[in-house]
Full PDB file with SEQRES, HELIX, SHEET, SSBOND, CRYST1, ORIGX, SCALE, CONECT and MASTER records, all heavy atoms in Angstrom:
SEQRES   1 A   29  THR ASP LEU PHE ALA ALA ALA ILE LEU PRO GLY LEU MET          
SEQRES   2 A   29  LEU ALA PHE LEU TYR VAL THR TYR THR LEU VAL ARG CYS          
SEQRES   3 A   29  TRP LEU ASN                                                  
HELIX    1 AA1 ASP A    2  ALA A    6  1                                   5    
HELIX    2 AA2 ILE A    8  LEU A   28  1                                  21    
CRYST1    1.000    1.000    1.000  90.00  90.00  90.00 P 1           1          
ORIGX1      1.000000  0.000000  0.000000        0.00000                         
ORIGX2      0.000000  1.000000  0.000000        0.00000                         
ORIGX3      0.000000  0.000000  1.000000        0.00000                         
SCALE1      1.000000  0.000000  0.000000        0.00000                         
SCALE2      0.000000  1.000000  0.000000        0.00000                         
SCALE3      0.000000  0.000000  1.000000        0.00000                         
ATOM      1  N   THR A   1      -0.740  -4.231  28.301  1.00  0.00           N  
ATOM      2  CA  THR A   1      -1.573  -4.116  27.104  1.00  0.00           C  
ATOM      3  C   THR A   1      -0.859  -3.150  26.096  1.00  0.00           C  
ATOM      4  O   THR A   1      -0.934  -3.336  24.914  1.00  0.00           O  
ATOM      5  CB  THR A   1      -2.871  -3.498  27.601  1.00  0.00           C  
ATOM      6  OG1 THR A   1      -2.644  -2.359  28.432  1.00  0.00           O  
ATOM      7  CG2 THR A   1      -3.746  -4.400  28.324  1.00  0.00           C  
ATOM      8  N   ASP A   2      -0.146  -2.067  26.590  1.00  0.00           N  
ATOM      9  CA  ASP A   2       0.538  -1.245  25.691  1.00  0.00           C  
ATOM     10  C   ASP A   2       1.625  -1.883  25.014  1.00  0.00           C  
ATOM     11  O   ASP A   2       1.784  -1.660  23.835  1.00  0.00           O  
ATOM     12  CB  ASP A   2       1.042   0.029  26.338  1.00  0.00           C  
ATOM     13  CG  ASP A   2      -0.106   0.997  26.806  1.00  0.00           C  
ATOM     14  OD1 ASP A   2      -1.128   0.753  26.447  1.00  0.00           O  
ATOM     15  OD2 ASP A   2       0.309   1.865  27.614  1.00  0.00           O  
ATOM     16  N   LEU A   3       2.332  -2.687  25.621  1.00  0.00           N  
ATOM     17  CA  LEU A   3       3.433  -3.463  25.002  1.00  0.00           C  
ATOM     18  C   LEU A   3       2.912  -4.492  24.109  1.00  0.00           C  
ATOM     19  O   LEU A   3       3.615  -4.702  22.975  1.00  0.00           O  
ATOM     20  CB  LEU A   3       4.237  -4.292  26.084  1.00  0.00           C  
ATOM     21  CG  LEU A   3       5.061  -3.419  26.994  1.00  0.00           C  
ATOM     22  CD1 LEU A   3       5.951  -4.247  28.096  1.00  0.00           C  
ATOM     23  CD2 LEU A   3       6.015  -2.463  26.305  1.00  0.00           C  
ATOM     24  N   PHE A   4       1.867  -5.158  24.304  1.00  0.00           N  
ATOM     25  CA  PHE A   4       1.282  -6.046  23.445  1.00  0.00           C  
ATOM     26  C   PHE A   4       0.836  -5.391  22.112  1.00  0.00           C  
ATOM     27  O   PHE A   4       1.127  -5.890  21.030  1.00  0.00           O  
ATOM     28  CB  PHE A   4      -0.090  -6.742  23.998  1.00  0.00           C  
ATOM     29  CG  PHE A   4       0.227  -7.868  24.836  1.00  0.00           C  
ATOM     30  CD1 PHE A   4       1.580  -8.363  25.245  1.00  0.00           C  
ATOM     31  CD2 PHE A   4      -0.739  -8.526  25.451  1.00  0.00           C  
ATOM     32  CE1 PHE A   4       1.757  -9.341  25.989  1.00  0.00           C  
ATOM     33  CE2 PHE A   4      -0.536  -9.754  26.271  1.00  0.00           C  
ATOM     34  CZ  PHE A   4       0.776 -10.122  26.479  1.00  0.00           C  
ATOM     35  N   ALA A   5       0.180  -4.119  22.266  1.00  0.00           N  
ATOM     36  CA  ALA A   5      -0.254  -3.466  20.975  1.00  0.00           C  
ATOM     37  C   ALA A   5       1.003  -2.958  20.356  1.00  0.00           C  
ATOM     38  O   ALA A   5       1.126  -2.952  18.988  1.00  0.00           O  
ATOM     39  CB  ALA A   5      -1.019  -2.201  21.445  1.00  0.00           C  
ATOM     40  N   ALA A   6       2.113  -2.501  20.965  1.00  0.00           N  
ATOM     41  CA  ALA A   6       3.217  -2.003  20.392  1.00  0.00           C  
ATOM     42  C   ALA A   6       3.986  -3.063  19.679  1.00  0.00           C  
ATOM     43  O   ALA A   6       4.723  -2.744  18.584  1.00  0.00           O  
ATOM     44  CB  ALA A   6       4.124  -1.346  21.402  1.00  0.00           C  
ATOM     45  N   ALA A   7       3.975  -4.409  20.088  1.00  0.00           N  
ATOM     46  CA  ALA A   7       4.690  -5.399  19.428  1.00  0.00           C  
ATOM     47  C   ALA A   7       4.079  -6.029  18.128  1.00  0.00           C  
ATOM     48  O   ALA A   7       4.686  -6.660  17.288  1.00  0.00           O  
ATOM     49  CB  ALA A   7       4.879  -6.529  20.510  1.00  0.00           C  
ATOM     50  N   ILE A   8       2.811  -5.630  17.865  1.00  0.00           N  
ATOM     51  CA  ILE A   8       2.152  -6.273  16.764  1.00  0.00           C  
ATOM     52  C   ILE A   8       2.598  -5.932  15.385  1.00  0.00           C  
ATOM     53  O   ILE A   8       3.008  -6.719  14.616  1.00  0.00           O  
ATOM     54  CB  ILE A   8       0.579  -5.935  16.793  1.00  0.00           C  
ATOM     55  CG1 ILE A   8      -0.133  -6.596  17.991  1.00  0.00           C  
ATOM     56  CG2 ILE A   8      -0.022  -6.276  15.522  1.00  0.00           C  
ATOM     57  CD1 ILE A   8      -1.584  -6.309  18.223  1.00  0.00           C  
ATOM     58  N   LEU A   9       2.896  -4.458  15.128  1.00  0.00           N  
ATOM     59  CA  LEU A   9       3.279  -4.102  13.890  1.00  0.00           C  
ATOM     60  C   LEU A   9       4.795  -4.505  13.645  1.00  0.00           C  
ATOM     61  O   LEU A   9       5.162  -5.018  12.511  1.00  0.00           O  
ATOM     62  CB  LEU A   9       3.253  -2.611  13.742  1.00  0.00           C  
ATOM     63  CG  LEU A   9       1.772  -2.061  13.562  1.00  0.00           C  
ATOM     64  CD1 LEU A   9       1.773  -0.615  13.448  1.00  0.00           C  
ATOM     65  CD2 LEU A   9       1.106  -2.818  12.333  1.00  0.00           C  
ATOM     66  N   PRO A  10       5.766  -4.389  14.636  1.00  0.00           N  
ATOM     67  CA  PRO A  10       7.068  -4.780  14.463  1.00  0.00           C  
ATOM     68  C   PRO A  10       7.177  -6.216  14.184  1.00  0.00           C  
ATOM     69  O   PRO A  10       7.962  -6.832  13.255  1.00  0.00           O  
ATOM     70  CB  PRO A  10       7.811  -4.572  15.826  1.00  0.00           C  
ATOM     71  CG  PRO A  10       6.970  -3.420  16.262  1.00  0.00           C  
ATOM     72  CD  PRO A  10       5.537  -3.498  15.920  1.00  0.00           C  
ATOM     73  N   GLY A  11       6.349  -7.116  14.846  1.00  0.00           N  
ATOM     74  CA  GLY A  11       6.250  -8.529  14.553  1.00  0.00           C  
ATOM     75  C   GLY A  11       5.929  -8.796  13.200  1.00  0.00           C  
ATOM     76  O   GLY A  11       6.463  -9.671  12.596  1.00  0.00           O  
ATOM     77  N   LEU A  12       4.751  -8.193  12.652  1.00  0.00           N  
ATOM     78  CA  LEU A  12       4.249  -8.446  11.435  1.00  0.00           C  
ATOM     79  C   LEU A  12       5.347  -7.897  10.315  1.00  0.00           C  
ATOM     80  O   LEU A  12       5.442  -8.577   9.214  1.00  0.00           O  
ATOM     81  CB  LEU A  12       2.892  -7.792  11.150  1.00  0.00           C  
ATOM     82  CG  LEU A  12       1.729  -8.363  12.092  1.00  0.00           C  
ATOM     83  CD1 LEU A  12       0.432  -7.500  11.742  1.00  0.00           C  
ATOM     84  CD2 LEU A  12       1.552  -9.758  11.722  1.00  0.00           C  
ATOM     85  N   MET A  13       5.936  -6.865  10.761  1.00  0.00           N  
ATOM     86  CA  MET A  13       7.021  -6.299   9.768  1.00  0.00           C  
ATOM     87  C   MET A  13       8.152  -7.276   9.600  1.00  0.00           C  
ATOM     88  O   MET A  13       8.534  -7.584   8.453  1.00  0.00           O  
ATOM     89  CB  MET A  13       7.508  -4.968  10.290  1.00  0.00           C  
ATOM     90  CG  MET A  13       8.678  -4.373   9.398  1.00  0.00           C  
ATOM     91  SD  MET A  13       9.345  -2.975  10.150  1.00  0.00           S  
ATOM     92  CE  MET A  13      10.320  -3.711  11.644  1.00  0.00           C  
ATOM     93  N   LEU A  14       8.562  -7.857  10.607  1.00  0.00           N  
ATOM     94  CA  LEU A  14       9.699  -8.903  10.447  1.00  0.00           C  
ATOM     95  C   LEU A  14       9.222 -10.218   9.756  1.00  0.00           C  
ATOM     96  O   LEU A  14       9.933 -10.638   8.816  1.00  0.00           O  
ATOM     97  CB  LEU A  14      10.142  -9.317  11.934  1.00  0.00           C  
ATOM     98  CG  LEU A  14      10.911  -8.155  12.670  1.00  0.00           C  
ATOM     99  CD1 LEU A  14      11.113  -8.559  14.113  1.00  0.00           C  
ATOM    100  CD2 LEU A  14      12.250  -7.874  11.919  1.00  0.00           C  
ATOM    101  N   ALA A  15       7.866 -10.484   9.985  1.00  0.00           N  
ATOM    102  CA  ALA A  15       7.450 -11.714   9.251  1.00  0.00           C  
ATOM    103  C   ALA A  15       7.346 -11.460   7.823  1.00  0.00           C  
ATOM    104  O   ALA A  15       7.671 -12.227   6.878  1.00  0.00           O  
ATOM    105  CB  ALA A  15       5.998 -12.113   9.709  1.00  0.00           C  
ATOM    106  N   PHE A  16       6.981 -10.115   7.465  1.00  0.00           N  
ATOM    107  CA  PHE A  16       6.966  -9.751   6.114  1.00  0.00           C  
ATOM    108  C   PHE A  16       8.309  -9.607   5.406  1.00  0.00           C  
ATOM    109  O   PHE A  16       8.394 -10.102   4.157  1.00  0.00           O  
ATOM    110  CB  PHE A  16       6.229  -8.255   6.048  1.00  0.00           C  
ATOM    111  CG  PHE A  16       6.232  -7.702   4.672  1.00  0.00           C  
ATOM    112  CD1 PHE A  16       5.181  -8.180   3.770  1.00  0.00           C  
ATOM    113  CD2 PHE A  16       7.086  -6.727   4.256  1.00  0.00           C  
ATOM    114  CE1 PHE A  16       5.217  -7.502   2.358  1.00  0.00           C  
ATOM    115  CE2 PHE A  16       7.026  -6.120   3.003  1.00  0.00           C  
ATOM    116  CZ  PHE A  16       6.154  -6.528   1.908  1.00  0.00           C  
ATOM    117  N   LEU A  17       9.198  -9.319   6.198  1.00  0.00           N  
ATOM    118  CA  LEU A  17      10.629  -9.125   5.589  1.00  0.00           C  
ATOM    119  C   LEU A  17      11.043 -10.621   5.390  1.00  0.00           C  
ATOM    120  O   LEU A  17      11.768 -10.875   4.330  1.00  0.00           O  
ATOM    121  CB  LEU A  17      11.554  -8.562   6.684  1.00  0.00           C  
ATOM    122  CG  LEU A  17      11.565  -6.975   6.873  1.00  0.00           C  
ATOM    123  CD1 LEU A  17      12.338  -6.519   7.894  1.00  0.00           C  
ATOM    124  CD2 LEU A  17      11.872  -6.305   5.578  1.00  0.00           C  
ATOM    125  N   TYR A  18      10.894 -11.526   6.228  1.00  0.00           N  
ATOM    126  CA  TYR A  18      11.164 -12.946   5.951  1.00  0.00           C  
ATOM    127  C   TYR A  18      10.551 -13.493   4.735  1.00  0.00           C  
ATOM    128  O   TYR A  18      11.320 -14.103   3.810  1.00  0.00           O  
ATOM    129  CB  TYR A  18      10.808 -13.936   7.167  1.00  0.00           C  
ATOM    130  CG  TYR A  18      11.249 -13.421   8.505  1.00  0.00           C  
ATOM    131  CD1 TYR A  18      10.656 -14.019   9.633  1.00  0.00           C  
ATOM    132  CD2 TYR A  18      12.319 -12.768   8.643  1.00  0.00           C  
ATOM    133  CE1 TYR A  18      11.072 -13.801  10.858  1.00  0.00           C  
ATOM    134  CE2 TYR A  18      12.827 -12.438   9.990  1.00  0.00           C  
ATOM    135  CZ  TYR A  18      12.223 -12.981  11.076  1.00  0.00           C  
ATOM    136  OH  TYR A  18      12.608 -12.593  12.308  1.00  0.00           O  
ATOM    137  N   VAL A  19       9.236 -13.330   4.540  1.00  0.00           N  
ATOM    138  CA  VAL A  19       8.600 -13.755   3.362  1.00  0.00           C  
ATOM    139  C   VAL A  19       9.072 -13.168   2.164  1.00  0.00           C  
ATOM    140  O   VAL A  19       9.244 -13.805   1.083  1.00  0.00           O  
ATOM    141  CB  VAL A  19       7.040 -13.411   3.620  1.00  0.00           C  
ATOM    142  CG1 VAL A  19       6.338 -13.825   2.241  1.00  0.00           C  
ATOM    143  CG2 VAL A  19       6.394 -14.372   4.588  1.00  0.00           C  
ATOM    144  N   THR A  20       9.085 -11.791   2.159  1.00  0.00           N  
ATOM    145  CA  THR A  20       9.632 -11.130   1.046  1.00  0.00           C  
ATOM    146  C   THR A  20      11.045 -11.627   0.551  1.00  0.00           C  
ATOM    147  O   THR A  20      11.355 -11.874  -0.628  1.00  0.00           O  
ATOM    148  CB  THR A  20       9.730  -9.608   1.284  1.00  0.00           C  
ATOM    149  OG1 THR A  20       8.404  -9.193   1.677  1.00  0.00           O  
ATOM    150  CG2 THR A  20      10.141  -8.824  -0.118  1.00  0.00           C  
ATOM    151  N   TYR A  21      11.860 -11.689   1.420  1.00  0.00           N  
ATOM    152  CA  TYR A  21      13.272 -12.068   1.149  1.00  0.00           C  
ATOM    153  C   TYR A  21      13.400 -13.510   0.613  1.00  0.00           C  
ATOM    154  O   TYR A  21      13.919 -13.757  -0.486  1.00  0.00           O  
ATOM    155  CB  TYR A  21      14.111 -12.152   2.473  1.00  0.00           C  
ATOM    156  CG  TYR A  21      15.581 -12.728   2.391  1.00  0.00           C  
ATOM    157  CD1 TYR A  21      16.546 -11.844   1.648  1.00  0.00           C  
ATOM    158  CD2 TYR A  21      15.918 -13.968   2.879  1.00  0.00           C  
ATOM    159  CE1 TYR A  21      17.836 -12.460   1.388  1.00  0.00           C  
ATOM    160  CE2 TYR A  21      17.157 -14.453   2.738  1.00  0.00           C  
ATOM    161  CZ  TYR A  21      18.136 -13.671   2.034  1.00  0.00           C  
ATOM    162  OH  TYR A  21      19.379 -14.239   1.866  1.00  0.00           O  
ATOM    163  N   THR A  22      12.597 -14.546   1.202  1.00  0.00           N  
ATOM    164  CA  THR A  22      12.615 -15.896   0.641  1.00  0.00           C  
ATOM    165  C   THR A  22      11.854 -16.007  -0.778  1.00  0.00           C  
ATOM    166  O   THR A  22      12.472 -16.687  -1.606  1.00  0.00           O  
ATOM    167  CB  THR A  22      11.905 -16.774   1.675  1.00  0.00           C  
ATOM    168  OG1 THR A  22      10.579 -16.251   2.056  1.00  0.00           O  
ATOM    169  CG2 THR A  22      12.741 -17.053   2.913  1.00  0.00           C  
ATOM    170  N   LEU A  23      10.807 -15.375  -0.890  1.00  0.00           N  
ATOM    171  CA  LEU A  23      10.082 -15.358  -2.234  1.00  0.00           C  
ATOM    172  C   LEU A  23      10.867 -14.699  -3.305  1.00  0.00           C  
ATOM    173  O   LEU A  23      10.931 -15.193  -4.470  1.00  0.00           O  
ATOM    174  CB  LEU A  23       8.649 -14.773  -2.121  1.00  0.00           C  
ATOM    175  CG  LEU A  23       7.721 -15.603  -1.123  1.00  0.00           C  
ATOM    176  CD1 LEU A  23       6.209 -15.048  -1.244  1.00  0.00           C  
ATOM    177  CD2 LEU A  23       7.650 -17.084  -1.509  1.00  0.00           C  
ATOM    178  N   VAL A  24      11.397 -13.588  -2.972  1.00  0.00           N  
ATOM    179  CA  VAL A  24      12.221 -12.882  -3.976  1.00  0.00           C  
ATOM    180  C   VAL A  24      13.503 -13.871  -4.435  1.00  0.00           C  
ATOM    181  O   VAL A  24      13.747 -13.977  -5.681  1.00  0.00           O  
ATOM    182  CB  VAL A  24      12.761 -11.488  -3.527  1.00  0.00           C  
ATOM    183  CG1 VAL A  24      13.807 -10.889  -4.408  1.00  0.00           C  
ATOM    184  CG2 VAL A  24      11.689 -10.536  -3.521  1.00  0.00           C  
ATOM    185  N   ARG A  25      14.087 -14.399  -3.438  1.00  0.00           N  
ATOM    186  CA  ARG A  25      15.313 -15.209  -3.762  1.00  0.00           C  
ATOM    187  C   ARG A  25      14.825 -16.497  -4.658  1.00  0.00           C  
ATOM    188  O   ARG A  25      15.509 -16.886  -5.525  1.00  0.00           O  
ATOM    189  CB  ARG A  25      15.975 -15.701  -2.564  1.00  0.00           C  
ATOM    190  CG  ARG A  25      16.730 -14.585  -1.906  1.00  0.00           C  
ATOM    191  CD  ARG A  25      17.913 -15.274  -1.059  1.00  0.00           C  
ATOM    192  NE  ARG A  25      18.827 -15.948  -1.899  1.00  0.00           N  
ATOM    193  CZ  ARG A  25      19.769 -16.779  -1.323  1.00  0.00           C  
ATOM    194  NH1 ARG A  25      19.939 -16.850   0.005  1.00  0.00           N  
ATOM    195  NH2 ARG A  25      20.633 -17.395  -2.166  1.00  0.00           N  
ATOM    196  N   CYS A  26      13.579 -16.966  -4.273  1.00  0.00           N  
ATOM    197  CA  CYS A  26      13.039 -17.973  -5.104  1.00  0.00           C  
ATOM    198  C   CYS A  26      12.639 -17.752  -6.455  1.00  0.00           C  
ATOM    199  O   CYS A  26      12.640 -18.419  -7.384  1.00  0.00           O  
ATOM    200  CB  CYS A  26      11.853 -18.757  -4.243  1.00  0.00           C  
ATOM    201  SG  CYS A  26      12.446 -19.679  -2.866  1.00  0.00           S  
ATOM    202  N   TRP A  27      12.202 -16.415  -6.598  1.00  0.00           N  
ATOM    203  CA  TRP A  27      11.778 -15.935  -7.969  1.00  0.00           C  
ATOM    204  C   TRP A  27      12.998 -15.806  -8.778  1.00  0.00           C  
ATOM    205  O   TRP A  27      12.990 -16.034  -9.978  1.00  0.00           O  
ATOM    206  CB  TRP A  27      11.040 -14.583  -7.731  1.00  0.00           C  
ATOM    207  CG  TRP A  27      10.780 -13.958  -9.031  1.00  0.00           C  
ATOM    208  CD1 TRP A  27       9.779 -14.468  -9.877  1.00  0.00           C  
ATOM    209  CD2 TRP A  27      11.297 -12.642  -9.502  1.00  0.00           C  
ATOM    210  NE1 TRP A  27       9.828 -13.371 -11.019  1.00  0.00           N  
ATOM    211  CE2 TRP A  27      10.709 -12.403 -10.786  1.00  0.00           C  
ATOM    212  CE3 TRP A  27      12.286 -11.786  -9.093  1.00  0.00           C  
ATOM    213  CZ2 TRP A  27      10.928 -11.270 -11.496  1.00  0.00           C  
ATOM    214  CZ3 TRP A  27      12.528 -10.667  -9.724  1.00  0.00           C  
ATOM    215  CH2 TRP A  27      11.888 -10.432 -11.086  1.00  0.00           C  
ATOM    216  N   LEU A  28      14.149 -15.296  -8.142  1.00  0.00           N  
ATOM    217  CA  LEU A  28      15.492 -15.087  -8.944  1.00  0.00           C  
ATOM    218  C   LEU A  28      16.020 -16.512  -9.266  1.00  0.00           C  
ATOM    219  O   LEU A  28      16.739 -16.635 -10.239  1.00  0.00           O  
ATOM    220  CB  LEU A  28      16.445 -14.271  -8.136  1.00  0.00           C  
ATOM    221  CG  LEU A  28      15.858 -12.763  -7.871  1.00  0.00           C  
ATOM    222  CD1 LEU A  28      16.903 -12.080  -7.018  1.00  0.00           C  
ATOM    223  CD2 LEU A  28      15.894 -12.115  -9.250  1.00  0.00           C  
ATOM    224  N   ASN A  29      15.980 -17.425  -8.284  1.00  0.00           N  
ATOM    225  CA  ASN A  29      16.580 -18.760  -8.303  1.00  0.00           C  
ATOM    226  C   ASN A  29      15.549 -19.864  -7.898  1.00  0.00           C  
ATOM    227  O   ASN A  29      15.576 -20.223  -6.723  1.00  0.00           O  
ATOM    228  CB  ASN A  29      17.825 -18.808  -7.553  1.00  0.00           C  
ATOM    229  CG  ASN A  29      18.544 -20.151  -7.832  1.00  0.00           C  
ATOM    230  OD1 ASN A  29      18.139 -21.048  -8.538  1.00  0.00           O  
ATOM    231  ND2 ASN A  29      19.654 -20.272  -7.020  1.00  0.00           N  
TER     232      ASN A  29                                                      
MASTER        0    0    0    2    0    0    0    6  231    1    0    3          
END                                                                             
């Protein structure tokens, strides 16, 4: 249960990094 709780924010952070990177690149090009 602790590992599940601990993995939520890192997982969402990585998903946010993917989205930000792709959308910024599409905004520039």
